[in-house]
Amino acid sequence: MPAVAWMTLAITALIVVAAALGLFRVAFHLKAIRRTLGSVALGVRVVADRTSPVPTVVPSVNASLKPVRDFCEQI
Protein backbone atom coordinates (compact mmCIF):
# COMPACT_ATOMS: atom_id res chain seq x y z
CA MET A 1 0.00 0.00 0.00
CA PRO A 2 1.43 3.40 -0.89
CA ALA A 3 2.26 5.91 1.81
CA VAL A 4 -0.49 8.23 0.63
CA ALA A 5 -3.11 5.56 1.38
CA TRP A 6 -1.71 5.06 4.89
CA MET A 7 -1.72 8.78 5.47
CA THR A 8 -5.34 9.02 4.30
CA LEU A 9 -6.35 6.20 6.67
CA ALA A 10 -4.50 7.84 9.57
CA ILE A 11 -6.12 11.23 8.97
CA THR A 12 -9.54 9.59 8.61
CA ALA A 13 -9.03 7.73 11.87
CA LEU A 14 -8.06 10.97 13.64
CA ILE A 15 -11.17 12.71 12.32
CA VAL A 16 -13.41 9.84 13.43
CA VAL A 17 -11.84 9.76 16.90
CA ALA A 18 -12.20 13.54 17.26
CA ALA A 19 -15.86 13.36 16.20
CA ALA A 20 -16.52 10.51 18.65
CA LEU A 21 -14.93 12.45 21.52
CA GLY A 22 -17.03 15.47 20.64
CA LEU A 23 -20.20 13.38 20.67
CA PHE A 24 -19.30 11.91 24.08
CA ARG A 25 -18.80 15.43 25.45
CA VAL A 26 -22.18 16.47 24.07
CA ALA A 27 -23.79 13.42 25.68
CA PHE A 28 -22.27 14.24 29.09
CA HIS A 29 -23.37 17.88 28.82
CA LEU A 30 -26.91 16.81 27.93
CA LYS A 31 -26.96 14.50 30.95
CA ALA A 32 -25.94 17.40 33.22
CA ILE A 33 -28.57 19.65 31.63
CA ARG A 34 -31.22 16.97 32.21
CA ARG A 35 -30.38 16.91 35.92
CA THR A 36 -30.49 20.70 36.13
CA LEU A 37 -33.82 20.89 34.31
CA GLY A 38 -35.23 18.31 36.72
CA SER A 39 -34.25 20.53 39.63
CA VAL A 40 -35.74 23.59 37.96
CA ALA A 41 -39.00 21.78 37.23
CA LEU A 42 -39.21 20.68 40.87
CA GLY A 43 -38.59 24.26 42.01
CA VAL A 44 -41.33 25.55 39.72
CA ARG A 45 -43.79 23.02 41.18
CA VAL A 46 -42.89 24.12 44.72
CA VAL A 47 -43.41 27.78 43.83
CA ALA A 48 -46.74 26.97 42.19
CA ASP A 49 -47.89 25.08 45.29
CA ARG A 50 -46.84 27.87 47.65
CA THR A 51 -48.53 30.58 45.60
CA SER A 52 -51.91 28.96 45.23
CA PRO A 53 -54.74 31.22 44.07
CA VAL A 54 -56.37 33.46 46.68
CA PRO A 55 -59.99 32.31 46.06
CA THR A 56 -59.25 28.96 47.70
CA VAL A 57 -58.18 30.75 50.91
CA VAL A 58 -60.76 33.55 51.03
CA PRO A 59 -63.70 31.47 52.40
CA SER A 60 -61.70 30.26 55.40
CA VAL A 61 -60.44 33.79 56.12
CA ASN A 62 -63.99 35.17 55.90
CA ALA A 63 -65.23 32.45 58.26
CA SER A 64 -62.48 33.32 60.73
CA LEU A 65 -63.35 37.02 60.60
CA LYS A 66 -67.13 36.54 61.02
CA PRO A 67 -67.04 37.20 64.81
CA VAL A 68 -65.15 40.45 64.19
CA ARG A 69 -67.67 41.54 61.55
CA ASP A 70 -70.59 40.70 63.84
CA PHE A 71 -69.01 42.72 66.67
CA CYS A 72 -68.42 45.71 64.38
CA GLU A 73 -72.05 45.63 63.22
CA GLN A 74 -73.24 45.83 66.83
CA ILE A 75 -71.34 49.04 67.45
PDB file of N, CA and C in Angstrom:
ATOM      1  N   MET A   1       0.846  -1.174   0.000  1.00  0.00           N
ATOM      2  CA  MET A   1       0.000   0.000   0.000  1.00  0.00           C
ATOM      3  C   MET A   1       0.895   1.242   0.000  1.00  0.00           C
ATOM      4  N   PRO A   2       0.591   2.199  -0.845  1.00  0.00           N
ATOM      5  CA  PRO A   2       1.433   3.398  -0.886  1.00  0.00           C
ATOM      6  C   PRO A   2       1.291   4.233   0.391  1.00  0.00           C
ATOM      7  N   ALA A   3       2.235   5.064   0.610  1.00  0.00           N
ATOM      8  CA  ALA A   3       2.263   5.912   1.808  1.00  0.00           C
ATOM      9  C   ALA A   3       1.091   6.876   1.829  1.00  0.00           C
ATOM     10  N   VAL A   4       0.638   7.300   0.679  1.00  0.00           N
ATOM     11  CA  VAL A   4      -0.489   8.228   0.625  1.00  0.00           C
ATOM     12  C   VAL A   4      -1.748   7.557   1.161  1.00  0.00           C
ATOM     13  N   ALA A   5      -1.947   6.282   0.884  1.00  0.00           N
ATOM     14  CA  ALA A   5      -3.113   5.558   1.381  1.00  0.00           C
ATOM     15  C   ALA A   5      -3.052   5.434   2.900  1.00  0.00           C
ATOM     16  N   TRP A   6      -1.857   5.143   3.426  1.00  0.00           N
ATOM     17  CA  TRP A   6      -1.710   5.058   4.892  1.00  0.00           C
ATOM     18  C   TRP A   6      -1.973   6.414   5.542  1.00  0.00           C
ATOM     19  N   MET A   7      -1.498   7.439   4.926  1.00  0.00           N
ATOM     20  CA  MET A   7      -1.715   8.783   5.470  1.00  0.00           C
ATOM     21  C   MET A   7      -3.206   9.132   5.450  1.00  0.00           C
ATOM     22  N   THR A   8      -3.899   8.766   4.397  1.00  0.00           N
ATOM     23  CA  THR A   8      -5.342   9.017   4.300  1.00  0.00           C
ATOM     24  C   THR A   8      -6.085   8.261   5.393  1.00  0.00           C
ATOM     25  N   LEU A   9      -5.703   6.988   5.609  1.00  0.00           N
ATOM     26  CA  LEU A   9      -6.346   6.198   6.668  1.00  0.00           C
ATOM     27  C   LEU A   9      -6.068   6.786   8.047  1.00  0.00           C
ATOM     28  N   ALA A  10      -4.856   7.262   8.276  1.00  0.00           N
ATOM     29  CA  ALA A  10      -4.500   7.841   9.573  1.00  0.00           C
ATOM     30  C   ALA A  10      -5.291   9.128   9.817  1.00  0.00           C
ATOM     31  N   ILE A  11      -5.375   9.979   8.817  1.00  0.00           N
ATOM     32  CA  ILE A  11      -6.122  11.232   8.973  1.00  0.00           C
ATOM     33  C   ILE A  11      -7.610  10.949   9.172  1.00  0.00           C
ATOM     34  N   THR A  12      -8.132   9.976   8.440  1.00  0.00           N
ATOM     35  CA  THR A  12      -9.538   9.593   8.605  1.00  0.00           C
ATOM     36  C   THR A  12      -9.791   9.077  10.014  1.00  0.00           C
ATOM     37  N   ALA A  13      -8.883   8.256  10.515  1.00  0.00           N
ATOM     38  CA  ALA A  13      -9.030   7.733  11.874  1.00  0.00           C
ATOM     39  C   ALA A  13      -9.002   8.864  12.897  1.00  0.00           C
ATOM     40  N   LEU A  14      -8.123   9.832  12.719  1.00  0.00           N
ATOM     41  CA  LEU A  14      -8.064  10.971  13.638  1.00  0.00           C
ATOM     42  C   LEU A  14      -9.359  11.776  13.602  1.00  0.00           C
ATOM     43  N   ILE A  15      -9.909  11.974  12.428  1.00  0.00           N
ATOM     44  CA  ILE A  15     -11.171  12.713  12.317  1.00  0.00           C
ATOM     45  C   ILE A  15     -12.301  11.964  12.997  1.00  0.00           C
ATOM     46  N   VAL A  16     -12.358  10.649  12.807  1.00  0.00           N
ATOM     47  CA  VAL A  16     -13.414   9.841  13.430  1.00  0.00           C
ATOM     48  C   VAL A  16     -13.272   9.856  14.946  1.00  0.00           C
ATOM     49  N   VAL A  17     -12.060   9.742  15.447  1.00  0.00           N
ATOM     50  CA  VAL A  17     -11.836   9.762  16.902  1.00  0.00           C
ATOM     51  C   VAL A  17     -12.221  11.131  17.472  1.00  0.00           C
ATOM     52  N   ALA A  18     -11.850  12.205  16.786  1.00  0.00           N
ATOM     53  CA  ALA A  18     -12.203  13.543  17.262  1.00  0.00           C
ATOM     54  C   ALA A  18     -13.719  13.733  17.282  1.00  0.00           C
ATOM     55  N   ALA A  19     -14.401  13.248  16.242  1.00  0.00           N
ATOM     56  CA  ALA A  19     -15.861  13.362  16.201  1.00  0.00           C
ATOM     57  C   ALA A  19     -16.504  12.543  17.314  1.00  0.00           C
ATOM     58  N   ALA A  20     -15.975  11.356  17.587  1.00  0.00           N
ATOM     59  CA  ALA A  20     -16.518  10.510  18.655  1.00  0.00           C
ATOM     60  C   ALA A  20     -16.332  11.179  20.017  1.00  0.00           C
ATOM     61  N   LEU A  21     -15.162  11.752  20.245  1.00  0.00           N
ATOM     62  CA  LEU A  21     -14.928  12.449  21.518  1.00  0.00           C
ATOM     63  C   LEU A  21     -15.877  13.642  21.667  1.00  0.00           C
ATOM     64  N   GLY A  22     -16.094  14.357  20.593  1.00  0.00           N
ATOM     65  CA  GLY A  22     -17.033  15.473  20.638  1.00  0.00           C
ATOM     66  C   GLY A  22     -18.443  15.018  20.967  1.00  0.00           C
ATOM     67  N   LEU A  23     -18.854  13.904  20.391  1.00  0.00           N
ATOM     68  CA  LEU A  23     -20.196  13.378  20.673  1.00  0.00           C
ATOM     69  C   LEU A  23     -20.317  12.913  22.123  1.00  0.00           C
ATOM     70  N   PHE A  24     -19.258  12.313  22.665  1.00  0.00           N
ATOM     71  CA  PHE A  24     -19.300  11.913  24.078  1.00  0.00           C
ATOM     72  C   PHE A  24     -19.415  13.135  24.979  1.00  0.00           C
ATOM     73  N   ARG A  25     -18.689  14.211  24.641  1.00  0.00           N
ATOM     74  CA  ARG A  25     -18.799  15.431  25.447  1.00  0.00           C
ATOM     75  C   ARG A  25     -20.207  15.994  25.396  1.00  0.00           C
ATOM     76  N   VAL A  26     -20.809  15.990  24.211  1.00  0.00           N
ATOM     77  CA  VAL A  26     -22.180  16.472  24.071  1.00  0.00           C
ATOM     78  C   VAL A  26     -23.123  15.627  24.911  1.00  0.00           C
ATOM     79  N   ALA A  27     -22.928  14.306  24.900  1.00  0.00           N
ATOM     80  CA  ALA A  27     -23.794  13.416  25.684  1.00  0.00           C
ATOM     81  C   ALA A  27     -23.670  13.712  27.180  1.00  0.00           C
ATOM     82  N   PHE A  28     -22.448  13.943  27.666  1.00  0.00           N
ATOM     83  CA  PHE A  28     -22.274  14.244  29.089  1.00  0.00           C
ATOM     84  C   PHE A  28     -22.885  15.601  29.451  1.00  0.00           C
ATOM     85  N   HIS A  29     -22.760  16.576  28.561  1.00  0.00           N
ATOM     86  CA  HIS A  29     -23.374  17.878  28.823  1.00  0.00           C
ATOM     87  C   HIS A  29     -24.902  17.762  28.846  1.00  0.00           C
ATOM     88  N   LEU A  30     -25.458  16.993  27.938  1.00  0.00           N
ATOM     89  CA  LEU A  30     -26.911  16.808  27.926  1.00  0.00           C
ATOM     90  C   LEU A  30     -27.393  16.110  29.193  1.00  0.00           C
ATOM     91  N   LYS A  31     -26.588  15.180  29.698  1.00  0.00           N
ATOM     92  CA  LYS A  31     -26.955  14.505  30.947  1.00  0.00           C
ATOM     93  C   LYS A  31     -26.976  15.500  32.109  1.00  0.00           C
ATOM     94  N   ALA A  32     -25.985  16.380  32.158  1.00  0.00           N
ATOM     95  CA  ALA A  32     -25.942  17.398  33.221  1.00  0.00           C
ATOM     96  C   ALA A  32     -27.111  18.367  33.079  1.00  0.00           C
ATOM     97  N   ILE A  33     -27.443  18.744  31.865  1.00  0.00           N
ATOM     98  CA  ILE A  33     -28.573  19.646  31.634  1.00  0.00           C
ATOM     99  C   ILE A  33     -29.876  18.989  32.055  1.00  0.00           C
ATOM    100  N   ARG A  34     -29.998  17.687  31.804  1.00  0.00           N
ATOM    101  CA  ARG A  34     -31.218  16.969  32.205  1.00  0.00           C
ATOM    102  C   ARG A  34     -31.396  17.020  33.726  1.00  0.00           C
ATOM    103  N   ARG A  35     -30.299  16.831  34.461  1.00  0.00           N
ATOM    104  CA  ARG A  35     -30.377  16.911  35.924  1.00  0.00           C
ATOM    105  C   ARG A  35     -30.778  18.309  36.369  1.00  0.00           C
ATOM    106  N   THR A  36     -30.186  19.325  35.768  1.00  0.00           N
ATOM    107  CA  THR A  36     -30.490  20.705  36.127  1.00  0.00           C
ATOM    108  C   THR A  36     -31.947  21.040  35.820  1.00  0.00           C
ATOM    109  N   LEU A  37     -32.423  20.611  34.664  1.00  0.00           N
ATOM    110  CA  LEU A  37     -33.816  20.890  34.312  1.00  0.00           C
ATOM    111  C   LEU A  37     -34.777  20.177  35.258  1.00  0.00           C
ATOM    112  N   GLY A  38     -34.398  18.995  35.731  1.00  0.00           N
ATOM    113  CA  GLY A  38     -35.230  18.309  36.717  1.00  0.00           C
ATOM    114  C   GLY A  38     -35.342  19.119  37.997  1.00  0.00           C
ATOM    115  N   SER A  39     -34.238  19.689  38.431  1.00  0.00           N
ATOM    116  CA  SER A  39     -34.253  20.526  39.633  1.00  0.00           C
ATOM    117  C   SER A  39     -35.090  21.783  39.418  1.00  0.00           C
ATOM    118  N   VAL A  40     -34.965  22.382  38.259  1.00  0.00           N
ATOM    119  CA  VAL A  40     -35.737  23.586  37.960  1.00  0.00           C
ATOM    120  C   VAL A  40     -37.229  23.273  37.922  1.00  0.00           C
ATOM    121  N   ALA A  41     -37.584  22.154  37.300  1.00  0.00           N
ATOM    122  CA  ALA A  41     -39.004  21.778  37.233  1.00  0.00           C
ATOM    123  C   ALA A  41     -39.555  21.537  38.636  1.00  0.00           C
ATOM    124  N   LEU A  42     -38.772  20.899  39.486  1.00  0.00           N
ATOM    125  CA  LEU A  42     -39.213  20.680  40.867  1.00  0.00           C
ATOM    126  C   LEU A  42     -39.393  22.012  41.588  1.00  0.00           C
ATOM    127  N   GLY A  43     -38.472  22.941  41.388  1.00  0.00           N
ATOM    128  CA  GLY A  43     -38.592  24.260  42.008  1.00  0.00           C
ATOM    129  C   GLY A  43     -39.826  25.006  41.529  1.00  0.00           C
ATOM    130  N   VAL A  44     -40.138  24.886  40.256  1.00  0.00           N
ATOM    131  CA  VAL A  44     -41.329  25.553  39.724  1.00  0.00           C
ATOM    132  C   VAL A  44     -42.585  24.967  40.354  1.00  0.00           C
ATOM    133  N   ARG A  45     -42.617  23.649  40.535  1.00  0.00           N
ATOM    134  CA  ARG A  45     -43.788  23.024  41.184  1.00  0.00           C
ATOM    135  C   ARG A  45     -43.939  23.510  42.619  1.00  0.00           C
ATOM    136  N   VAL A  46     -42.832  23.645  43.336  1.00  0.00           N
ATOM    137  CA  VAL A  46     -42.891  24.122  44.719  1.00  0.00           C
ATOM    138  C   VAL A  46     -43.418  25.551  44.760  1.00  0.00           C
ATOM    139  N   VAL A  47     -42.932  26.396  43.869  1.00  0.00           N
ATOM    140  CA  VAL A  47     -43.409  27.783  43.830  1.00  0.00           C
ATOM    141  C   VAL A  47     -44.895  27.823  43.492  1.00  0.00           C
ATOM    142  N   ALA A  48     -45.324  27.002  42.559  1.00  0.00           N
ATOM    143  CA  ALA A  48     -46.744  26.969  42.194  1.00  0.00           C
ATOM    144  C   ALA A  48     -47.602  26.510  43.363  1.00  0.00           C
ATOM    145  N   ASP A  49     -47.130  25.548  44.130  1.00  0.00           N
ATOM    146  CA  ASP A  49     -47.893  25.079  45.286  1.00  0.00           C
ATOM    147  C   ASP A  49     -47.968  26.150  46.376  1.00  0.00           C
ATOM    148  N   ARG A  50     -46.859  26.868  46.580  1.00  0.00           N
ATOM    149  CA  ARG A  50     -46.836  27.868  47.654  1.00  0.00           C
ATOM    150  C   ARG A  50     -47.579  29.148  47.286  1.00  0.00           C
ATOM    151  N   THR A  51     -47.818  29.374  46.031  1.00  0.00           N
ATOM    152  CA  THR A  51     -48.531  30.575  45.601  1.00  0.00           C
ATOM    153  C   THR A  51     -49.871  30.186  44.994  1.00  0.00           C
ATOM    154  N   SER A  52     -50.605  29.388  45.729  1.00  0.00           N
ATOM    155  CA  SER A  52     -51.909  28.959  45.230  1.00  0.00           C
ATOM    156  C   SER A  52     -52.838  30.168  45.119  1.00  0.00           C
ATOM    157  N   PRO A  53     -53.836  30.091  44.273  1.00  0.00           N
ATOM    158  CA  PRO A  53     -54.741  31.225  44.073  1.00  0.00           C
ATOM    159  C   PRO A  53     -55.449  31.626  45.360  1.00  0.00           C
ATOM    160  N   VAL A  54     -55.724  32.909  45.482  1.00  0.00           N
ATOM    161  CA  VAL A  54     -56.368  33.456  46.678  1.00  0.00           C
ATOM    162  C   VAL A  54     -57.790  32.922  46.868  1.00  0.00           C
ATOM    163  N   PRO A  55     -58.603  32.742  45.837  1.00  0.00           N
ATOM    164  CA  PRO A  55     -59.987  32.313  46.057  1.00  0.00           C
ATOM    165  C   PRO A  55     -60.126  31.025  46.870  1.00  0.00           C
ATOM    166  N   THR A  56     -59.135  30.179  46.888  1.00  0.00           N
ATOM    167  CA  THR A  56     -59.245  28.964  47.703  1.00  0.00           C
ATOM    168  C   THR A  56     -59.064  29.263  49.183  1.00  0.00           C
ATOM    169  N   VAL A  57     -58.445  30.395  49.513  1.00  0.00           N
ATOM    170  CA  VAL A  57     -58.179  30.747  50.908  1.00  0.00           C
ATOM    171  C   VAL A  57     -59.229  31.700  51.461  1.00  0.00           C
ATOM    172  N   VAL A  58     -59.842  32.498  50.603  1.00  0.00           N
ATOM    173  CA  VAL A  58     -60.762  33.549  51.034  1.00  0.00           C
ATOM    174  C   VAL A  58     -61.919  33.022  51.889  1.00  0.00           C
ATOM    175  N   PRO A  59     -62.592  31.925  51.555  1.00  0.00           N
ATOM    176  CA  PRO A  59     -63.703  31.469  52.401  1.00  0.00           C
ATOM    177  C   PRO A  59     -63.279  31.163  53.838  1.00  0.00           C
ATOM    178  N   SER A  60     -62.129  30.555  54.024  1.00  0.00           N
ATOM    179  CA  SER A  60     -61.698  30.256  55.397  1.00  0.00           C
ATOM    180  C   SER A  60     -61.333  31.531  56.146  1.00  0.00           C
ATOM    181  N   VAL A  61     -60.769  32.511  55.463  1.00  0.00           N
ATOM    182  CA  VAL A  61     -60.444  33.787  56.117  1.00  0.00           C
ATOM    183  C   VAL A  61     -61.736  34.511  56.491  1.00  0.00           C
ATOM    184  N   ASN A  62     -62.708  34.525  55.600  1.00  0.00           N
ATOM    185  CA  ASN A  62     -63.992  35.167  55.905  1.00  0.00           C
ATOM    186  C   ASN A  62     -64.685  34.488  57.078  1.00  0.00           C
ATOM    187  N   ALA A  63     -64.605  33.166  57.141  1.00  0.00           N
ATOM    188  CA  ALA A  63     -65.227  32.448  58.259  1.00  0.00           C
ATOM    189  C   ALA A  63     -64.534  32.801  59.570  1.00  0.00           C
ATOM    190  N   SER A  64     -63.215  32.958  59.517  1.00  0.00           N
ATOM    191  CA  SER A  64     -62.476  33.315  60.732  1.00  0.00           C
ATOM    192  C   SER A  64     -62.789  34.735  61.186  1.00  0.00           C
ATOM    193  N   LEU A  65     -63.090  35.628  60.258  1.00  0.00           N
ATOM    194  CA  LEU A  65     -63.353  37.023  60.604  1.00  0.00           C
ATOM    195  C   LEU A  65     -64.826  37.312  60.872  1.00  0.00           C
ATOM    196  N   LYS A  66     -65.699  36.327  60.786  1.00  0.00           N
ATOM    197  CA  LYS A  66     -67.133  36.545  61.020  1.00  0.00           C
ATOM    198  C   LYS A  66     -67.410  37.109  62.409  1.00  0.00           C
ATOM    199  N   PRO A  67     -66.781  36.606  63.487  1.00  0.00           N
ATOM    200  CA  PRO A  67     -67.039  37.203  64.806  1.00  0.00           C
ATOM    201  C   PRO A  67     -66.657  38.678  64.869  1.00  0.00           C
ATOM    202  N   VAL A  68     -65.577  39.053  64.195  1.00  0.00           N
ATOM    203  CA  VAL A  68     -65.155  40.451  64.192  1.00  0.00           C
ATOM    204  C   VAL A  68     -66.180  41.305  63.447  1.00  0.00           C
ATOM    205  N   ARG A  69     -66.661  40.809  62.327  1.00  0.00           N
ATOM    206  CA  ARG A  69     -67.667  41.538  61.549  1.00  0.00           C
ATOM    207  C   ARG A  69     -68.940  41.703  62.371  1.00  0.00           C
ATOM    208  N   ASP A  70     -69.384  40.629  63.027  1.00  0.00           N
ATOM    209  CA  ASP A  70     -70.594  40.701  63.840  1.00  0.00           C
ATOM    210  C   ASP A  70     -70.417  41.723  64.969  1.00  0.00           C
ATOM    211  N   PHE A  71     -69.256  41.758  65.599  1.00  0.00           N
ATOM    212  CA  PHE A  71     -69.010  42.717  66.674  1.00  0.00           C
ATOM    213  C   PHE A  71     -69.046  44.147  66.140  1.00  0.00           C
ATOM    214  N   CYS A  72     -68.446  44.356  64.959  1.00  0.00           N
ATOM    215  CA  CYS A  72     -68.418  45.707  64.377  1.00  0.00           C
ATOM    216  C   CYS A  72     -69.830  46.163  64.006  1.00  0.00           C
ATOM    217  N   GLU A  73     -70.680  45.252  63.576  1.00  0.00           N
ATOM    218  CA  GLU A  73     -72.046  45.630  63.222  1.00  0.00           C
ATOM    219  C   GLU A  73     -72.861  46.017  64.456  1.00  0.00           C
ATOM    220  N   GLN A  74     -72.522  45.500  65.600  1.00  0.00           N
ATOM    221  CA  GLN A  74     -73.244  45.826  66.830  1.00  0.00           C
ATOM    222  C   GLN A  74     -72.893  47.230  67.319  1.00  0.00           C
ATOM    223  N   ILE A  75     -71.772  47.724  66.960  1.00  0.00           N
ATOM    224  CA  ILE A  75     -71.341  49.039  67.453  1.00  0.00           C
ATOM    225  C   ILE A  75     -72.027  50.133  66.742  1.00  0.00           C
TER     226      ILE A  75
END
